Amino acid sequence: MRVEDLDIGDIVYAATTIIDDGSMPEGMEGEILAEAGTRGVITMIGHVEEQPERSVFLVRFEDKEMNLGNPIGCWVDDLMVEPKLIN
């Protein structure tokens, strides 16, 4: 399954460490929003108005206590369907 095939309520994982690029309201540029491999849930799916073919996913990632954080806008490349196994 591909990220593009997922829907609201589906579980995803951060493919890489997601860092605030300065666009998060009340956020700090450079702050880590989700470590690579962190589990999250899709809460909304949309697209960029200027690029309707480019999907953006709002995802709430779990913190260390397994509480869901604030929604984060993620591109397809930021997400993966299954966690990577570390040997």
N, C-alpha and C. Protein backbone atom coordinates (compact mmCIF):
# COMPACT_ATOMS: atom_id res chain seq x y z
N MET A 1 0.84 -1.18 0.00
CA MET A 1 0.00 0.00 0.00
C MET A 1 0.89 1.25 0.00
N ARG A 2 0.40 2.27 -0.67
CA ARG A 2 1.14 3.53 -0.76
C ARG A 2 0.48 4.59 0.12
N VAL A 3 1.25 5.56 0.54
CA VAL A 3 0.72 6.66 1.35
C VAL A 3 -0.45 7.32 0.62
N GLU A 4 -0.34 7.47 -0.68
CA GLU A 4 -1.38 8.13 -1.47
C GLU A 4 -2.72 7.39 -1.41
N ASP A 5 -2.71 6.10 -1.04
CA ASP A 5 -3.92 5.29 -0.98
C ASP A 5 -4.61 5.36 0.39
N LEU A 6 -3.99 6.02 1.35
CA LEU A 6 -4.52 6.06 2.71
C LEU A 6 -5.64 7.08 2.84
N ASP A 7 -6.36 6.97 3.96
CA ASP A 7 -7.50 7.85 4.21
C ASP A 7 -7.42 8.39 5.64
N ILE A 8 -8.32 9.28 5.96
CA ILE A 8 -8.40 9.84 7.31
C ILE A 8 -8.59 8.70 8.31
N GLY A 9 -7.83 8.75 9.40
CA GLY A 9 -7.89 7.73 10.44
C GLY A 9 -6.86 6.63 10.28
N ASP A 10 -6.19 6.59 9.13
CA ASP A 10 -5.17 5.56 8.91
C ASP A 10 -3.88 5.92 9.65
N ILE A 11 -3.16 4.89 10.05
CA ILE A 11 -1.89 5.04 10.76
C ILE A 11 -0.75 5.19 9.75
N VAL A 12 0.16 6.12 10.04
CA VAL A 12 1.36 6.33 9.24
C VAL A 12 2.55 6.49 10.18
N TYR A 13 3.73 6.52 9.61
CA TYR A 13 4.96 6.70 10.37
C TYR A 13 5.79 7.78 9.69
N ALA A 14 6.52 8.55 10.48
CA ALA A 14 7.41 9.56 9.92
C ALA A 14 8.56 8.85 9.21
N ALA A 15 8.73 9.13 7.93
CA ALA A 15 9.78 8.49 7.14
C ALA A 15 11.16 9.03 7.51
N THR A 16 11.19 10.28 7.90
CA THR A 16 12.42 10.94 8.34
C THR A 16 12.05 11.83 9.53
N THR A 17 13.03 12.40 10.17
CA THR A 17 12.74 13.36 11.23
C THR A 17 12.11 14.59 10.58
N ILE A 18 10.95 14.98 11.10
CA ILE A 18 10.22 16.13 10.55
C ILE A 18 10.53 17.34 11.43
N ILE A 19 11.04 18.39 10.79
CA ILE A 19 11.49 19.59 11.49
C ILE A 19 10.66 20.78 11.04
N ASP A 20 10.32 21.65 11.98
CA ASP A 20 9.56 22.86 11.68
C ASP A 20 10.39 23.74 10.75
N ASP A 21 9.82 24.04 9.60
CA ASP A 21 10.51 24.90 8.63
C ASP A 21 10.16 26.37 8.83
N GLY A 22 9.49 26.66 9.94
CA GLY A 22 9.10 28.03 10.23
C GLY A 22 7.66 28.33 9.87
N SER A 23 6.97 27.34 9.33
CA SER A 23 5.59 27.57 8.89
C SER A 23 4.54 27.14 9.91
N MET A 24 4.97 26.56 11.03
CA MET A 24 4.01 26.11 12.05
C MET A 24 3.58 27.29 12.91
N PRO A 25 2.26 27.50 13.04
CA PRO A 25 1.81 28.57 13.92
C PRO A 25 2.31 28.35 15.35
N GLU A 26 2.85 29.38 15.94
CA GLU A 26 3.36 29.34 17.31
C GLU A 26 4.51 28.34 17.48
N GLY A 27 5.11 27.90 16.39
CA GLY A 27 6.24 26.97 16.45
C GLY A 27 7.55 27.71 16.38
N MET A 28 8.63 26.93 16.53
CA MET A 28 9.97 27.50 16.43
C MET A 28 10.69 26.82 15.28
N GLU A 29 11.20 27.60 14.35
CA GLU A 29 11.92 27.05 13.22
C GLU A 29 13.07 26.18 13.72
N GLY A 30 13.20 24.99 13.14
CA GLY A 30 14.26 24.07 13.53
C GLY A 30 13.85 23.08 14.61
N GLU A 31 12.69 23.29 15.22
CA GLU A 31 12.21 22.38 16.26
C GLU A 31 11.83 21.03 15.65
N ILE A 32 12.19 19.94 16.32
CA ILE A 32 11.81 18.60 15.85
C ILE A 32 10.35 18.38 16.18
N LEU A 33 9.56 18.09 15.14
CA LEU A 33 8.13 17.86 15.31
C LEU A 33 7.81 16.38 15.46
N ALA A 34 8.57 15.53 14.77
CA ALA A 34 8.39 14.08 14.87
C ALA A 34 9.70 13.40 14.48
N GLU A 35 10.17 12.51 15.32
CA GLU A 35 11.37 11.74 15.01
C GLU A 35 11.04 10.70 13.94
N ALA A 36 12.02 10.32 13.16
CA ALA A 36 11.83 9.26 12.16
C ALA A 36 11.28 8.02 12.85
N GLY A 37 10.26 7.42 12.26
CA GLY A 37 9.65 6.21 12.80
C GLY A 37 8.51 6.45 13.76
N THR A 38 8.24 7.70 14.12
CA THR A 38 7.15 8.01 15.05
C THR A 38 5.81 7.70 14.40
N ARG A 39 4.94 7.06 15.17
CA ARG A 39 3.61 6.69 14.67
C ARG A 39 2.67 7.89 14.77
N GLY A 40 1.80 8.01 13.77
CA GLY A 40 0.81 9.07 13.77
C GLY A 40 -0.46 8.63 13.08
N VAL A 41 -1.46 9.49 13.11
CA VAL A 41 -2.74 9.20 12.47
C VAL A 41 -3.09 10.37 11.54
N ILE A 42 -3.58 10.04 10.36
CA ILE A 42 -4.00 11.06 9.40
C ILE A 42 -5.32 11.66 9.87
N THR A 43 -5.37 12.99 9.98
CA THR A 43 -6.59 13.65 10.43
C THR A 43 -7.29 14.43 9.32
N MET A 44 -6.55 14.73 8.25
CA MET A 44 -7.14 15.43 7.11
C MET A 44 -6.22 15.27 5.91
N ILE A 45 -6.81 15.28 4.73
CA ILE A 45 -6.04 15.19 3.50
C ILE A 45 -6.50 16.31 2.58
N GLY A 46 -5.54 17.02 2.02
CA GLY A 46 -5.88 18.11 1.11
C GLY A 46 -4.83 18.23 0.03
N HIS A 47 -4.75 19.39 -0.57
CA HIS A 47 -3.74 19.64 -1.60
C HIS A 47 -3.34 21.11 -1.56
N VAL A 48 -2.25 21.39 -2.21
CA VAL A 48 -1.76 22.75 -2.32
C VAL A 48 -2.56 23.43 -3.42
N GLU A 49 -3.13 24.58 -3.12
CA GLU A 49 -3.99 25.26 -4.09
C GLU A 49 -3.29 25.50 -5.42
N GLU A 50 -2.03 25.90 -5.37
CA GLU A 50 -1.28 26.19 -6.59
C GLU A 50 -0.84 24.92 -7.31
N GLN A 51 -0.86 23.78 -6.60
CA GLN A 51 -0.44 22.50 -7.17
C GLN A 51 -1.45 21.42 -6.75
N PRO A 52 -2.62 21.38 -7.37
CA PRO A 52 -3.66 20.45 -6.93
C PRO A 52 -3.25 18.98 -7.01
N GLU A 53 -2.22 18.68 -7.77
CA GLU A 53 -1.75 17.29 -7.86
C GLU A 53 -0.86 16.90 -6.67
N ARG A 54 -0.50 17.86 -5.84
CA ARG A 54 0.39 17.61 -4.70
C ARG A 54 -0.43 17.52 -3.40
N SER A 55 -0.52 16.32 -2.85
CA SER A 55 -1.30 16.10 -1.63
C SER A 55 -0.53 16.52 -0.39
N VAL A 56 -1.28 17.02 0.57
CA VAL A 56 -0.72 17.32 1.89
C VAL A 56 -1.59 16.59 2.91
N PHE A 57 -0.94 15.96 3.87
CA PHE A 57 -1.62 15.18 4.90
C PHE A 57 -1.43 15.87 6.24
N LEU A 58 -2.52 16.09 6.97
CA LEU A 58 -2.40 16.56 8.35
C LEU A 58 -2.31 15.31 9.21
N VAL A 59 -1.23 15.23 9.97
CA VAL A 59 -0.96 14.05 10.79
C VAL A 59 -0.71 14.48 12.23
N ARG A 60 -1.30 13.75 13.16
CA ARG A 60 -1.02 13.95 14.59
C ARG A 60 -0.14 12.79 15.03
N PHE A 61 1.10 13.11 15.38
CA PHE A 61 2.07 12.10 15.81
C PHE A 61 2.02 11.91 17.32
N GLU A 62 2.34 10.69 17.75
CA GLU A 62 2.38 10.39 19.18
C GLU A 62 3.65 10.95 19.81
N ASP A 63 3.53 11.37 21.07
CA ASP A 63 4.72 11.75 21.82
C ASP A 63 5.20 10.52 22.61
N LYS A 64 6.17 10.70 23.47
CA LYS A 64 6.74 9.57 24.22
C LYS A 64 5.72 8.91 25.16
N GLU A 65 4.70 9.67 25.58
CA GLU A 65 3.65 9.12 26.44
C GLU A 65 2.47 8.59 25.63
N MET A 66 2.64 8.54 24.31
CA MET A 66 1.63 8.05 23.37
C MET A 66 0.40 8.95 23.27
N ASN A 67 0.57 10.24 23.61
CA ASN A 67 -0.48 11.23 23.41
C ASN A 67 -0.31 11.82 22.02
N LEU A 68 -1.41 12.12 21.36
CA LEU A 68 -1.33 12.72 20.04
C LEU A 68 -1.01 14.20 20.14
N GLY A 69 -0.05 14.63 19.34
CA GLY A 69 0.34 16.03 19.31
C GLY A 69 -0.53 16.83 18.36
N ASN A 70 -0.15 18.07 18.16
CA ASN A 70 -0.87 18.95 17.24
C ASN A 70 -0.71 18.46 15.81
N PRO A 71 -1.67 18.76 14.95
CA PRO A 71 -1.57 18.34 13.55
C PRO A 71 -0.38 19.00 12.85
N ILE A 72 0.28 18.21 12.04
CA ILE A 72 1.44 18.68 11.27
C ILE A 72 1.16 18.41 9.80
N GLY A 73 1.37 19.40 8.96
CA GLY A 73 1.23 19.20 7.52
C GLY A 73 2.43 18.43 6.98
N CYS A 74 2.16 17.32 6.30
CA CYS A 74 3.22 16.46 5.79
C CYS A 74 3.02 16.17 4.31
N TRP A 75 4.12 16.09 3.58
CA TRP A 75 4.09 15.66 2.19
C TRP A 75 4.16 14.14 2.15
N VAL A 76 3.83 13.57 1.03
CA VAL A 76 3.89 12.11 0.85
C VAL A 76 5.28 11.59 1.24
N ASP A 77 6.33 12.30 0.85
CA ASP A 77 7.70 11.85 1.12
C ASP A 77 8.05 11.86 2.61
N ASP A 78 7.28 12.58 3.42
CA ASP A 78 7.52 12.63 4.86
C ASP A 78 6.99 11.40 5.58
N LEU A 79 6.15 10.62 4.89
CA LEU A 79 5.42 9.54 5.55
C LEU A 79 5.73 8.18 4.95
N MET A 80 5.51 7.15 5.76
CA MET A 80 5.59 5.77 5.26
C MET A 80 4.46 4.98 5.91
N VAL A 81 4.08 3.91 5.24
CA VAL A 81 2.93 3.12 5.68
C VAL A 81 3.30 2.16 6.80
N GLU A 82 4.51 1.62 6.75
CA GLU A 82 4.96 0.67 7.77
C GLU A 82 6.28 1.16 8.35
N PRO A 83 6.48 0.92 9.64
CA PRO A 83 7.75 1.36 10.23
C PRO A 83 8.91 0.54 9.67
N LYS A 84 10.06 1.18 9.57
CA LYS A 84 11.27 0.46 9.14
C LYS A 84 11.77 -0.37 10.30
N LEU A 85 12.11 -1.60 10.01
CA LEU A 85 12.65 -2.48 11.04
C LEU A 85 14.14 -2.24 11.17
N ILE A 86 14.60 -2.10 12.39
CA ILE A 86 16.02 -1.88 12.65
C ILE A 86 16.60 -3.17 13.19
N ASN A 87 17.62 -3.69 12.53
CA ASN A 87 18.26 -4.94 12.97
C ASN A 87 19.41 -4.66 13.89
